[in-house]
């Protein structure tokens, strides 16, 4: 017999999978650009993380009672929906989306570290959520493809590694 408390993780997982799956399906139906599906998936994942962090922070404060996992589900659906809407406008590349993911996880942890010394759970949740959003935005911007002129300039640069034997070992070098 399954107790009612153990049904919550299963419902959270199923709800997350359905919301992200719907988001990916709608993104593919509306725009088949290569980066759209991964961008929508990332929006759902990071929205769910921010929602879960905020829910956890405000639950620890003793605020209004909400069902467990509601922040994860609402955040995931909101993140996927926001990503679907903005994907048509931003036209993300798969590379930009990976940089967004890297920035979001780094920003989340930087937010946690920044608020680590405080005993206020909502402040920690807010700092980690804002860090996740800011890091993701920064990663997206930094991962933007360069212009053809910039790529041509980089292609003309020659990187030459070298090794020079020396007594007791050697010296590795890189020349540009």
N, C-alpha and C. Protein backbone atom coordinates (compact mmCIF):
# COMPACT_ATOMS: atom_id res chain seq x y z
N UNK A 1 0.85 -1.18 0.00
CA UNK A 1 0.00 0.00 0.00
C UNK A 1 0.89 1.24 0.00
N UNK A 2 0.57 2.21 -0.82
CA UNK A 2 1.34 3.43 -0.94
C UNK A 2 0.69 4.51 -0.09
N UNK A 3 1.50 5.14 0.75
CA UNK A 3 0.94 6.20 1.60
C UNK A 3 0.78 7.47 0.78
N UNK A 4 -0.07 8.35 1.28
CA UNK A 4 -0.36 9.59 0.56
C UNK A 4 0.88 10.46 0.42
N UNK A 5 1.76 10.49 1.41
CA UNK A 5 2.97 11.32 1.35
C UNK A 5 3.93 10.90 0.26
N UNK A 6 3.98 9.61 -0.06
CA UNK A 6 4.92 9.16 -1.08
C UNK A 6 4.39 9.38 -2.49
N UNK A 7 3.12 9.76 -2.64
CA UNK A 7 2.57 10.06 -3.96
C UNK A 7 3.03 11.42 -4.46
N UNK A 8 3.43 12.31 -3.55
CA UNK A 8 3.81 13.67 -3.93
C UNK A 8 5.01 13.70 -4.88
N UNK A 9 6.13 13.01 -4.59
CA UNK A 9 7.25 13.05 -5.54
C UNK A 9 6.87 12.51 -6.91
N UNK A 10 6.06 11.46 -6.94
CA UNK A 10 5.64 10.90 -8.22
C UNK A 10 4.80 11.90 -9.00
N UNK A 11 3.89 12.59 -8.32
CA UNK A 11 3.06 13.61 -8.98
C UNK A 11 3.91 14.76 -9.47
N UNK A 12 4.91 15.16 -8.69
CA UNK A 12 5.81 16.24 -9.11
C UNK A 12 6.58 15.85 -10.37
N UNK A 13 7.11 14.65 -10.38
CA UNK A 13 7.87 14.19 -11.53
C UNK A 13 6.99 14.10 -12.77
N UNK A 14 5.81 13.54 -12.61
CA UNK A 14 4.90 13.41 -13.75
C UNK A 14 4.46 14.78 -14.25
N UNK A 15 4.13 15.68 -13.35
CA UNK A 15 3.71 17.03 -13.76
C UNK A 15 4.82 17.78 -14.46
N UNK A 16 6.04 17.64 -13.97
CA UNK A 16 7.18 18.29 -14.62
C UNK A 16 7.41 17.74 -16.00
N UNK A 17 7.38 16.43 -16.12
CA UNK A 17 7.61 15.80 -17.42
C UNK A 17 6.53 16.22 -18.42
N UNK A 18 5.28 16.27 -17.98
CA UNK A 18 4.19 16.65 -18.88
C UNK A 18 4.33 18.11 -19.30
N UNK A 19 4.62 19.01 -18.36
CA UNK A 19 4.72 20.43 -18.71
C UNK A 19 5.89 20.70 -19.65
N UNK A 20 7.02 20.07 -19.39
CA UNK A 20 8.18 20.26 -20.28
C UNK A 20 7.90 19.62 -21.64
N UNK A 21 7.27 18.45 -21.66
CA UNK A 21 6.94 17.79 -22.92
C UNK A 21 5.97 18.60 -23.76
N UNK A 22 4.96 19.17 -23.11
CA UNK A 22 4.01 20.03 -23.83
C UNK A 22 4.73 21.25 -24.38
N UNK A 23 5.61 21.82 -23.58
CA UNK A 23 6.36 22.99 -24.04
C UNK A 23 7.21 22.67 -25.26
N UNK A 24 7.88 21.55 -25.23
CA UNK A 24 8.71 21.16 -26.37
C UNK A 24 7.84 20.90 -27.60
N UNK A 25 6.70 20.23 -27.40
CA UNK A 25 5.80 19.95 -28.52
C UNK A 25 5.27 21.22 -29.17
N UNK A 26 4.85 22.15 -28.35
CA UNK A 26 4.33 23.41 -28.88
C UNK A 26 5.44 24.20 -29.57
N UNK A 27 6.65 24.18 -29.00
CA UNK A 27 7.76 24.89 -29.63
C UNK A 27 8.09 24.30 -30.99
N UNK A 28 8.06 22.98 -31.10
CA UNK A 28 8.33 22.35 -32.40
C UNK A 28 7.22 22.63 -33.40
N UNK A 29 5.99 22.65 -32.93
CA UNK A 29 4.87 22.90 -33.84
C UNK A 29 4.90 24.35 -34.34
N UNK A 30 5.31 25.29 -33.49
CA UNK A 30 5.28 26.70 -33.87
C UNK A 30 6.52 27.17 -34.58
N UNK A 31 7.66 26.60 -34.29
CA UNK A 31 8.91 27.07 -34.87
C UNK A 31 9.91 25.93 -34.79
N UNK A 32 10.38 25.50 -35.93
CA UNK A 32 11.27 24.34 -35.96
C UNK A 32 12.75 24.73 -35.98
N UNK A 33 13.10 25.90 -35.47
CA UNK A 33 14.51 26.30 -35.41
C UNK A 33 15.25 25.36 -34.47
N UNK A 34 16.52 25.08 -34.78
CA UNK A 34 17.26 24.08 -33.98
C UNK A 34 17.36 24.41 -32.49
N UNK A 35 17.47 25.67 -32.12
CA UNK A 35 17.65 26.00 -30.72
C UNK A 35 16.37 26.14 -29.93
N UNK A 36 15.20 26.13 -30.59
CA UNK A 36 13.94 26.40 -29.90
C UNK A 36 13.59 25.32 -28.88
N UNK A 37 13.72 24.07 -29.27
CA UNK A 37 13.34 22.99 -28.34
C UNK A 37 14.25 22.96 -27.12
N UNK A 38 15.55 23.10 -27.31
CA UNK A 38 16.45 23.08 -26.16
C UNK A 38 16.25 24.32 -25.29
N UNK A 39 15.93 25.43 -25.92
CA UNK A 39 15.66 26.66 -25.16
C UNK A 39 14.41 26.49 -24.31
N UNK A 40 13.36 25.86 -24.87
CA UNK A 40 12.12 25.63 -24.13
C UNK A 40 12.35 24.65 -23.00
N UNK A 41 13.11 23.60 -23.26
CA UNK A 41 13.43 22.63 -22.22
C UNK A 41 14.18 23.32 -21.07
N UNK A 42 15.17 24.13 -21.42
CA UNK A 42 15.93 24.84 -20.39
C UNK A 42 15.04 25.80 -19.61
N UNK A 43 14.13 26.47 -20.30
CA UNK A 43 13.20 27.36 -19.60
C UNK A 43 12.35 26.61 -18.58
N UNK A 44 11.89 25.42 -18.95
CA UNK A 44 11.11 24.61 -18.02
C UNK A 44 11.92 24.12 -16.84
N UNK A 45 13.13 23.68 -17.10
CA UNK A 45 14.00 23.17 -16.03
C UNK A 45 14.35 24.28 -15.05
N UNK A 46 14.84 25.41 -15.58
CA UNK A 46 15.28 26.48 -14.69
C UNK A 46 14.10 27.18 -14.03
N UNK A 47 12.96 27.27 -14.72
CA UNK A 47 11.75 27.80 -14.08
C UNK A 47 11.32 26.92 -12.92
N UNK A 48 11.40 25.61 -13.12
CA UNK A 48 11.05 24.68 -12.04
C UNK A 48 11.99 24.81 -10.85
N UNK A 49 13.29 24.99 -11.13
CA UNK A 49 14.27 25.15 -10.05
C UNK A 49 14.01 26.43 -9.26
N UNK A 50 13.78 27.53 -9.96
CA UNK A 50 13.51 28.79 -9.28
C UNK A 50 12.19 28.68 -8.49
N UNK A 51 11.17 28.08 -9.08
CA UNK A 51 9.90 27.91 -8.38
C UNK A 51 10.03 27.05 -7.13
N UNK A 52 10.79 25.97 -7.23
CA UNK A 52 11.00 25.09 -6.07
C UNK A 52 11.79 25.81 -4.97
N UNK A 53 12.79 26.60 -5.37
CA UNK A 53 13.57 27.34 -4.37
C UNK A 53 12.70 28.36 -3.65
N UNK A 54 11.88 29.08 -4.41
CA UNK A 54 11.00 30.07 -3.79
C UNK A 54 9.96 29.41 -2.90
N UNK A 55 9.40 28.29 -3.36
CA UNK A 55 8.44 27.57 -2.53
C UNK A 55 9.08 27.11 -1.23
N UNK A 56 10.27 26.56 -1.32
CA UNK A 56 10.97 26.08 -0.12
C UNK A 56 11.27 27.22 0.84
N UNK A 57 11.69 28.34 0.30
CA UNK A 57 12.01 29.48 1.15
C UNK A 57 10.80 30.03 1.88
N UNK A 58 9.70 30.15 1.18
CA UNK A 58 8.51 30.71 1.81
C UNK A 58 7.79 29.70 2.67
N UNK A 59 7.94 28.41 2.36
CA UNK A 59 7.36 27.38 3.23
C UNK A 59 8.10 27.37 4.58
N UNK A 60 9.42 27.56 4.56
CA UNK A 60 10.20 27.58 5.79
C UNK A 60 9.83 28.78 6.65
N UNK A 61 9.37 29.85 6.04
CA UNK A 61 8.98 31.04 6.80
C UNK A 61 7.63 30.84 7.48
N UNK A 62 6.86 29.86 7.04
CA UNK A 62 5.56 29.60 7.65
C UNK A 62 4.46 30.41 6.97
N UNK A 63 4.64 30.68 5.72
CA UNK A 63 3.65 31.46 4.97
C UNK A 63 2.43 30.62 4.64
N UNK A 64 1.68 31.06 3.66
CA UNK A 64 0.45 30.38 3.25
C UNK A 64 0.76 28.94 2.84
N UNK A 65 -0.07 28.02 3.26
CA UNK A 65 0.14 26.61 2.96
C UNK A 65 -0.20 26.32 1.50
N UNK A 66 0.75 25.75 0.80
CA UNK A 66 0.55 25.33 -0.59
C UNK A 66 0.90 23.86 -0.70
N UNK A 67 0.34 23.17 -1.67
CA UNK A 67 0.68 21.75 -1.81
C UNK A 67 2.17 21.58 -2.10
N UNK A 68 2.80 20.53 -1.55
CA UNK A 68 4.21 20.29 -1.83
C UNK A 68 4.45 20.12 -3.33
N UNK A 69 5.47 20.75 -3.82
CA UNK A 69 5.80 20.65 -5.24
C UNK A 69 5.09 21.65 -6.12
N UNK A 70 4.23 22.48 -5.55
CA UNK A 70 3.51 23.45 -6.37
C UNK A 70 4.47 24.44 -7.02
N UNK A 71 5.51 24.84 -6.30
CA UNK A 71 6.48 25.77 -6.86
C UNK A 71 7.21 25.18 -8.04
N UNK A 72 7.55 23.89 -7.94
CA UNK A 72 8.22 23.20 -9.03
C UNK A 72 7.33 23.14 -10.27
N UNK A 73 6.08 22.77 -10.08
CA UNK A 73 5.17 22.65 -11.21
C UNK A 73 4.83 24.00 -11.84
N UNK A 74 4.50 24.98 -11.00
CA UNK A 74 4.15 26.30 -11.52
C UNK A 74 5.38 26.96 -12.16
N UNK A 75 6.54 26.85 -11.50
CA UNK A 75 7.77 27.42 -12.06
C UNK A 75 8.16 26.76 -13.37
N UNK A 76 8.05 25.44 -13.44
CA UNK A 76 8.39 24.72 -14.67
C UNK A 76 7.48 25.10 -15.82
N UNK A 77 6.19 25.15 -15.55
CA UNK A 77 5.24 25.53 -16.61
C UNK A 77 5.45 26.98 -17.03
N UNK A 78 5.68 27.86 -16.06
CA UNK A 78 5.90 29.27 -16.38
C UNK A 78 7.20 29.45 -17.17
N UNK A 79 8.25 28.77 -16.75
CA UNK A 79 9.52 28.86 -17.47
C UNK A 79 9.43 28.34 -18.89
N UNK A 80 8.75 27.21 -19.08
CA UNK A 80 8.59 26.66 -20.42
C UNK A 80 7.75 27.58 -21.29
N UNK A 81 6.68 28.13 -20.74
CA UNK A 81 5.82 29.04 -21.50
C UNK A 81 6.58 30.32 -21.87
N UNK A 82 7.31 30.88 -20.91
CA UNK A 82 8.09 32.09 -21.20
C UNK A 82 9.15 31.81 -22.26
N UNK A 83 9.78 30.65 -22.20
CA UNK A 83 10.79 30.30 -23.20
C UNK A 83 10.17 30.12 -24.57
N UNK A 84 8.97 29.52 -24.63
CA UNK A 84 8.30 29.36 -25.92
C UNK A 84 7.98 30.71 -26.55
N UNK A 85 7.49 31.61 -25.73
CA UNK A 85 7.10 32.93 -26.23
C UNK A 85 8.33 33.71 -26.71
N UNK A 86 9.40 33.66 -25.94
CA UNK A 86 10.58 34.45 -26.30
C UNK A 86 11.47 33.78 -27.35
N UNK A 87 11.33 32.47 -27.54
CA UNK A 87 12.18 31.78 -28.51
C UNK A 87 11.97 32.29 -29.93
N UNK A 88 10.75 32.64 -30.28
CA UNK A 88 10.48 33.17 -31.62
C UNK A 88 11.19 34.50 -31.83
N UNK A 89 11.25 35.28 -30.78
CA UNK A 89 11.85 36.61 -30.87
C UNK A 89 13.37 36.54 -30.77
N UNK A 90 13.89 35.72 -29.85
CA UNK A 90 15.34 35.66 -29.61
C UNK A 90 16.09 34.81 -30.64
N UNK A 91 15.44 33.80 -31.20
CA UNK A 91 16.08 32.88 -32.13
C UNK A 91 17.36 32.28 -31.53
N UNK A 92 17.25 31.56 -30.42
CA UNK A 92 18.46 31.02 -29.78
C UNK A 92 19.08 29.89 -30.59
N UNK A 93 20.38 29.79 -30.48
CA UNK A 93 21.08 28.65 -31.08
C UNK A 93 21.27 27.60 -29.99
N UNK A 94 21.49 26.34 -30.35
CA UNK A 94 21.75 25.33 -29.32
C UNK A 94 22.96 25.69 -28.44
N UNK A 95 23.97 26.31 -29.03
CA UNK A 95 25.14 26.71 -28.25
C UNK A 95 24.78 27.77 -27.23
N UNK A 96 23.97 28.74 -27.63
CA UNK A 96 23.55 29.76 -26.68
C UNK A 96 22.77 29.14 -25.53
N UNK A 97 21.96 28.16 -25.84
CA UNK A 97 21.17 27.52 -24.79
C UNK A 97 22.07 26.78 -23.81
N UNK A 98 23.11 26.14 -24.28
CA UNK A 98 24.04 25.47 -23.36
C UNK A 98 24.76 26.49 -22.49
N UNK A 99 25.14 27.64 -23.06
CA UNK A 99 25.76 28.69 -22.26
C UNK A 99 24.76 29.24 -21.25
N UNK A 100 23.49 29.34 -21.64
CA UNK A 100 22.45 29.76 -20.71
C UNK A 100 22.38 28.79 -19.55
N UNK A 101 22.40 27.48 -19.84
CA UNK A 101 22.35 26.48 -18.77
C UNK A 101 23.53 26.61 -17.82
N UNK A 102 24.71 26.77 -18.38
CA UNK A 102 25.90 26.93 -17.55
C UNK A 102 25.81 28.18 -16.68
N UNK A 103 25.35 29.28 -17.27
CA UNK A 103 25.19 30.52 -16.51
C UNK A 103 24.14 30.40 -15.42
N UNK A 104 23.05 29.69 -15.72
CA UNK A 104 21.97 29.54 -14.74
C UNK A 104 22.42 28.74 -13.54
N UNK A 105 23.12 27.64 -13.76
CA UNK A 105 23.56 26.83 -12.62
C UNK A 105 24.61 27.57 -11.81
N UNK A 106 25.52 28.26 -12.50
CA UNK A 106 26.53 29.04 -11.78
C UNK A 106 25.88 30.18 -11.00
N UNK A 107 24.93 30.86 -11.63
CA UNK A 107 24.23 31.96 -10.95
C UNK A 107 23.44 31.48 -9.74
N UNK A 108 22.84 30.30 -9.85
CA UNK A 108 22.09 29.73 -8.73
C UNK A 108 23.02 29.52 -7.53
N UNK A 109 24.18 28.93 -7.80
CA UNK A 109 25.12 28.66 -6.71
C UNK A 109 25.75 29.94 -6.17
N UNK A 110 26.00 30.92 -7.03
CA UNK A 110 26.51 32.20 -6.55
C UNK A 110 25.46 32.87 -5.65
N UNK A 111 24.20 32.79 -6.03
CA UNK A 111 23.13 33.33 -5.18
C UNK A 111 23.07 32.63 -3.84
N UNK A 112 23.23 31.31 -3.84
CA UNK A 112 23.25 30.57 -2.57
C UNK A 112 24.43 31.00 -1.71
N UNK A 113 25.60 31.14 -2.34
CA UNK A 113 26.79 31.56 -1.58
C UNK A 113 26.63 32.98 -1.04
N UNK A 114 26.04 33.86 -1.84
CA UNK A 114 25.87 35.25 -1.41
C UNK A 114 24.96 35.35 -0.20
N UNK A 115 23.98 34.48 -0.10
CA UNK A 115 23.02 34.54 1.00
C UNK A 115 23.28 33.46 2.06
N UNK A 116 24.43 32.82 2.01
CA UNK A 116 24.71 31.70 2.91
C UNK A 116 24.75 32.09 4.38
N UNK A 117 25.17 33.28 4.67
CA UNK A 117 25.32 33.68 6.07
C UNK A 117 24.03 34.19 6.69
N UNK A 118 22.99 34.33 5.91
CA UNK A 118 21.72 34.82 6.46
C UNK A 118 20.86 33.65 6.94
N UNK A 119 20.09 33.89 7.96
CA UNK A 119 19.19 32.87 8.49
C UNK A 119 17.76 33.06 7.99
N UNK A 120 17.60 33.84 6.94
CA UNK A 120 16.28 34.14 6.40
C UNK A 120 16.03 33.29 5.16
N UNK A 121 15.26 32.18 5.27
CA UNK A 121 15.05 31.29 4.12
C UNK A 121 14.47 31.99 2.89
N UNK A 122 13.51 32.92 3.02
CA UNK A 122 13.05 33.60 1.80
C UNK A 122 14.14 34.41 1.12
N UNK A 123 15.05 34.99 1.90
CA UNK A 123 16.15 35.76 1.29
C UNK A 123 17.09 34.83 0.53
N UNK A 124 17.36 33.66 1.08
CA UNK A 124 18.22 32.69 0.39
C UNK A 124 17.54 32.22 -0.90
N UNK A 125 16.23 31.94 -0.81
CA UNK A 125 15.49 31.50 -2.00
C UNK A 125 15.47 32.58 -3.06
N UNK A 126 15.25 33.82 -2.65
CA UNK A 126 15.22 34.93 -3.60
C UNK A 126 16.59 35.15 -4.23
N UNK A 127 17.65 35.09 -3.43
CA UNK A 127 19.00 35.28 -3.95
C UNK A 127 19.37 34.19 -4.95
N UNK A 128 19.04 32.94 -4.63
CA UNK A 128 19.37 31.85 -5.56
C UNK A 128 18.53 31.94 -6.83
N UNK A 129 17.26 32.31 -6.70
CA UNK A 129 16.40 32.47 -7.87
C UNK A 129 16.85 33.59 -8.78
N UNK A 130 17.18 34.73 -8.18
CA UNK A 130 17.67 35.86 -8.98
C UNK A 130 19.03 35.55 -9.60
N UNK A 131 19.88 34.85 -8.85
CA UNK A 131 21.17 34.44 -9.39
C UNK A 131 21.01 33.52 -10.59
N UNK A 132 20.06 32.61 -10.51
CA UNK A 132 19.79 31.69 -11.61
C UNK A 132 19.34 32.45 -12.86
N UNK A 133 18.43 33.39 -12.68
CA UNK A 133 17.92 34.18 -13.81
C UNK A 133 19.02 35.06 -14.39
N UNK A 134 19.76 35.75 -13.52
CA UNK A 134 20.83 36.64 -14.01
C UNK A 134 21.95 35.85 -14.68
N UNK A 135 22.33 34.73 -14.09
CA UNK A 135 23.38 33.90 -14.69
C UNK A 135 22.95 33.33 -16.03
N UNK A 136 21.70 32.91 -16.13
CA UNK A 136 21.19 32.41 -17.41
C UNK A 136 21.19 33.48 -18.48
N UNK A 137 20.75 34.69 -18.11
CA UNK A 137 20.75 35.80 -19.08
C UNK A 137 22.17 36.14 -19.52
N UNK A 138 23.09 36.16 -18.57
CA UNK A 138 24.48 36.46 -18.91
C UNK A 138 25.07 35.37 -19.81
N UNK A 139 24.80 34.13 -19.49
CA UNK A 139 25.28 33.03 -20.32
C UNK A 139 24.72 33.09 -21.74
N UNK A 140 23.44 33.47 -21.85
CA UNK A 140 22.83 33.58 -23.18
C UNK A 140 23.51 34.68 -24.00
N UNK A 141 23.75 35.82 -23.36
CA UNK A 141 24.38 36.94 -24.06
C UNK A 141 25.82 36.60 -24.44
N UNK A 142 26.57 36.01 -23.52
CA UNK A 142 27.96 35.67 -23.81
C UNK A 142 28.09 34.54 -24.83
N UNK A 143 27.08 33.72 -24.96
CA UNK A 143 27.11 32.63 -25.92
C UNK A 143 26.62 33.00 -27.30
N UNK A 144 26.34 34.28 -27.51
CA UNK A 144 25.83 34.73 -28.82
C UNK A 144 26.85 34.47 -29.91
N UNK A 145 26.37 34.04 -31.08
CA UNK A 145 27.31 33.80 -32.17
C UNK A 145 27.96 35.11 -32.62
N UNK A 146 29.18 35.01 -33.05
CA UNK A 146 29.90 36.19 -33.50
C UNK A 146 29.57 36.50 -34.96
N UNK A 147 29.95 37.67 -35.39
CA UNK A 147 29.73 38.05 -36.78
C UNK A 147 30.70 37.30 -37.68
N UNK A 148 30.41 37.20 -38.97
CA UNK A 148 31.35 36.51 -39.88
C UNK A 148 32.74 37.15 -39.89
N UNK A 149 32.81 38.47 -39.71
CA UNK A 149 34.12 39.13 -39.69
C UNK A 149 34.93 38.70 -38.47
N UNK A 150 34.29 38.58 -37.32
CA UNK A 150 35.00 38.15 -36.12
C UNK A 150 35.48 36.71 -36.26
N UNK A 151 34.65 35.86 -36.86
CA UNK A 151 35.07 34.47 -37.06
C UNK A 151 36.26 34.40 -38.02
N UNK A 152 36.27 35.22 -39.06
CA UNK A 152 37.38 35.23 -40.01
C UNK A 152 38.67 35.69 -39.34
N UNK A 153 38.57 36.67 -38.44
CA UNK A 153 39.76 37.16 -37.73
C UNK A 153 40.34 36.05 -36.85
N UNK A 154 39.48 35.30 -36.18
CA UNK A 154 39.96 34.22 -35.33
C UNK A 154 40.58 33.10 -36.15
N UNK A 155 40.05 32.87 -37.34
CA UNK A 155 40.56 31.79 -38.18
C UNK A 155 41.97 32.08 -38.69
N UNK A 156 42.34 33.35 -38.79
CA UNK A 156 43.68 33.68 -39.30
C UNK A 156 44.73 33.59 -38.21
N UNK A 157 44.33 33.54 -36.97
CA UNK A 157 45.30 33.43 -35.88
C UNK A 157 45.79 31.99 -35.82
N UNK A 158 47.07 31.85 -35.69
CA UNK A 158 47.67 30.53 -35.57
C UNK A 158 48.12 30.31 -34.14
N UNK A 159 47.65 29.25 -33.57
CA UNK A 159 48.09 28.86 -32.23
C UNK A 159 49.06 27.71 -32.40
N UNK A 160 50.28 27.92 -31.94
CA UNK A 160 51.31 26.91 -32.11
C UNK A 160 51.82 26.46 -30.75
N UNK A 161 51.52 25.22 -30.40
CA UNK A 161 52.08 24.71 -29.14
C UNK A 161 53.53 24.29 -29.35
N UNK A 162 54.29 24.33 -28.29
CA UNK A 162 55.69 23.94 -28.40
C UNK A 162 56.20 23.30 -27.13
N UNK A 163 57.27 22.56 -27.26
CA UNK A 163 57.93 21.96 -26.11
C UNK A 163 59.43 22.12 -26.29
N UNK A 164 60.08 22.66 -25.29
CA UNK A 164 61.52 22.85 -25.32
C UNK A 164 62.14 22.04 -24.19
N UNK A 165 63.01 21.08 -24.55
CA UNK A 165 63.64 20.30 -23.48
C UNK A 165 64.55 21.20 -22.64
N UNK A 166 64.52 20.96 -21.36
CA UNK A 166 65.36 21.70 -20.42
C UNK A 166 65.91 20.70 -19.40
N UNK A 167 67.01 21.06 -18.73
CA UNK A 167 67.55 20.14 -17.73
C UNK A 167 66.49 19.84 -16.65
N UNK A 168 66.27 18.57 -16.43
CA UNK A 168 65.31 18.16 -15.41
C UNK A 168 63.87 18.18 -15.88
N UNK A 169 63.60 18.38 -17.14
CA UNK A 169 62.22 18.41 -17.62
C UNK A 169 62.10 19.10 -18.94
N UNK A 170 61.19 20.06 -19.01
CA UNK A 170 60.98 20.78 -20.24
C UNK A 170 60.03 21.94 -20.02
N UNK A 171 59.85 22.72 -21.07
CA UNK A 171 58.99 23.90 -21.00
C UNK A 171 57.95 23.78 -22.10
N UNK A 172 56.68 23.81 -21.72
CA UNK A 172 55.59 23.86 -22.70
C UNK A 172 55.32 25.32 -23.02
N UNK A 173 55.05 25.61 -24.28
CA UNK A 173 54.75 26.99 -24.66
C UNK A 173 53.63 27.00 -25.68
N UNK A 174 52.95 28.13 -25.76
CA UNK A 174 51.92 28.37 -26.76
C UNK A 174 52.18 29.73 -27.35
N UNK A 175 52.31 29.78 -28.67
CA UNK A 175 52.53 31.07 -29.31
C UNK A 175 51.34 31.39 -30.21
N UNK A 176 51.02 32.66 -30.24
CA UNK A 176 49.90 33.12 -31.08
C UNK A 176 50.43 33.83 -32.29
